[in-house]
């Protein structure tokens, strides 16, 4: 069973847009931990870096860009990603606290 983290722990973990982008990348990337480009075979942890001024991450080896928010509920949003993560946390924490609420 997963342990529910406190709001303070959540704010420390997801305090910037970049930390939220890395989390989305971790969720949406292949499970083997390699580049999204099938011909590259570079490690995400070693070769991926953020793109300055954009909400994207690129591979320094093959120069392919990855936009973690595309085709998700976060695409085309104008609210900062770290604020959306906090809103989702508060909604889920409320649901866990009051399970009878539908």
Protein backbone atom coordinates (compact mmCIF):
# COMPACT_ATOMS: atom_id res chain seq x y z
CA UNK A 1 0.00 0.00 0.00
CA UNK A 2 1.27 3.44 -0.89
CA UNK A 3 1.87 5.97 1.84
CA UNK A 4 0.12 9.30 1.48
CA UNK A 5 2.62 12.14 1.52
CA UNK A 6 1.92 15.41 3.29
CA UNK A 7 1.36 18.69 1.49
CA UNK A 8 4.79 19.89 2.69
CA UNK A 9 6.51 16.84 1.15
CA UNK A 10 4.53 17.32 -2.05
CA UNK A 11 5.53 20.98 -2.31
CA UNK A 12 9.20 20.09 -1.79
CA UNK A 13 9.09 17.38 -4.46
CA UNK A 14 7.10 19.30 -7.10
CA UNK A 15 8.03 22.92 -6.36
CA UNK A 16 9.04 23.84 -9.94
CA UNK A 17 7.61 23.28 -13.39
CA UNK A 18 10.81 21.45 -14.33
CA UNK A 19 10.42 18.89 -11.53
CA UNK A 20 6.86 18.24 -12.72
CA UNK A 21 8.07 17.86 -16.32
CA UNK A 22 10.66 15.30 -15.21
CA UNK A 23 7.95 13.37 -13.38
CA UNK A 24 5.73 13.35 -16.49
CA UNK A 25 8.72 12.22 -18.55
CA UNK A 26 9.33 9.38 -16.11
CA UNK A 27 5.71 8.27 -16.39
CA UNK A 28 5.42 8.59 -20.18
CA UNK A 29 8.85 7.30 -21.25
CA UNK A 30 9.63 3.69 -22.15
CA UNK A 31 10.11 1.37 -19.18
CA UNK A 32 13.65 0.44 -20.25
CA UNK A 33 14.90 3.96 -19.44
CA UNK A 34 16.22 4.63 -22.93
CA UNK A 35 15.60 7.53 -25.31
CA UNK A 36 12.20 7.86 -26.91
CA UNK A 37 13.85 7.83 -30.33
CA UNK A 38 14.04 4.09 -31.16
CA UNK A 39 17.38 4.45 -32.99
CA UNK A 40 19.18 6.37 -30.25
CA UNK A 41 19.45 3.92 -27.30
CA UNK A 42 20.78 6.68 -24.98
CA UNK A 43 19.97 6.63 -21.27
CA UNK A 44 17.33 9.16 -20.23
CA UNK A 45 19.05 9.82 -16.92
CA UNK A 46 22.39 10.57 -18.58
CA UNK A 47 21.56 12.35 -21.86
CA UNK A 48 18.27 14.18 -21.32
CA UNK A 49 18.27 17.91 -20.51
CA UNK A 50 15.57 20.59 -20.34
CA UNK A 51 15.06 23.07 -23.17
CA UNK A 52 15.41 26.63 -21.90
CA UNK A 53 12.26 28.69 -22.33
CA UNK A 54 10.04 25.75 -23.32
CA UNK A 55 8.26 22.95 -21.58
CA UNK A 56 10.31 20.33 -23.37
CA UNK A 57 13.19 17.96 -22.75
CA UNK A 58 15.72 16.90 -25.39
CA UNK A 59 18.27 14.16 -25.86
CA UNK A 60 21.82 15.54 -26.12
CA UNK A 61 22.87 12.52 -28.14
CA UNK A 62 20.30 12.42 -30.97
CA UNK A 63 18.83 15.95 -30.43
CA UNK A 64 15.24 14.71 -30.44
CA UNK A 65 12.78 16.75 -28.40
CA UNK A 66 10.10 15.36 -26.13
CA UNK A 67 7.14 17.36 -24.89
CA UNK A 68 5.71 15.45 -21.89
CA UNK A 69 2.50 17.50 -21.77
CA UNK A 70 1.39 16.76 -25.35
CA UNK A 71 -1.61 14.41 -25.64
CA UNK A 72 -2.33 14.64 -21.93
CA UNK A 73 -4.75 16.53 -19.72
CA UNK A 74 -2.07 19.21 -19.32
CA UNK A 75 -1.79 20.17 -23.00
CA UNK A 76 -2.87 23.64 -24.06
CA UNK A 77 -3.12 24.75 -20.45
CA UNK A 78 -2.23 28.19 -19.21
CA UNK A 79 -1.89 27.26 -15.53
CA UNK A 80 1.66 26.42 -14.37
CA UNK A 81 2.29 22.70 -14.12
CA UNK A 82 3.40 22.77 -10.48
CA UNK A 83 0.12 24.48 -9.54
CA UNK A 84 -1.85 21.81 -11.42
CA UNK A 85 0.07 19.09 -9.56
CA UNK A 86 -0.83 20.73 -6.25
CA UNK A 87 -4.50 21.02 -7.24
CA UNK A 88 -4.57 17.31 -8.13
CA UNK A 89 -2.86 16.45 -4.84
CA UNK A 90 -5.44 18.41 -2.85
CA UNK A 91 -8.33 16.81 -4.73
CA UNK A 92 -6.97 13.31 -4.15
CA UNK A 93 -6.13 13.99 -0.51
CA UNK A 94 -9.68 15.17 0.06
CA UNK A 95 -11.05 12.07 -1.64
CA UNK A 96 -8.85 9.79 0.53
CA UNK A 97 -9.87 11.63 3.68
CA UNK A 98 -13.58 11.44 2.91
CA UNK A 99 -14.12 8.19 0.95
CA UNK A 100 -17.91 8.37 1.21
CA UNK A 101 -17.98 11.51 -1.00
CA UNK A 102 -18.79 10.59 -4.60
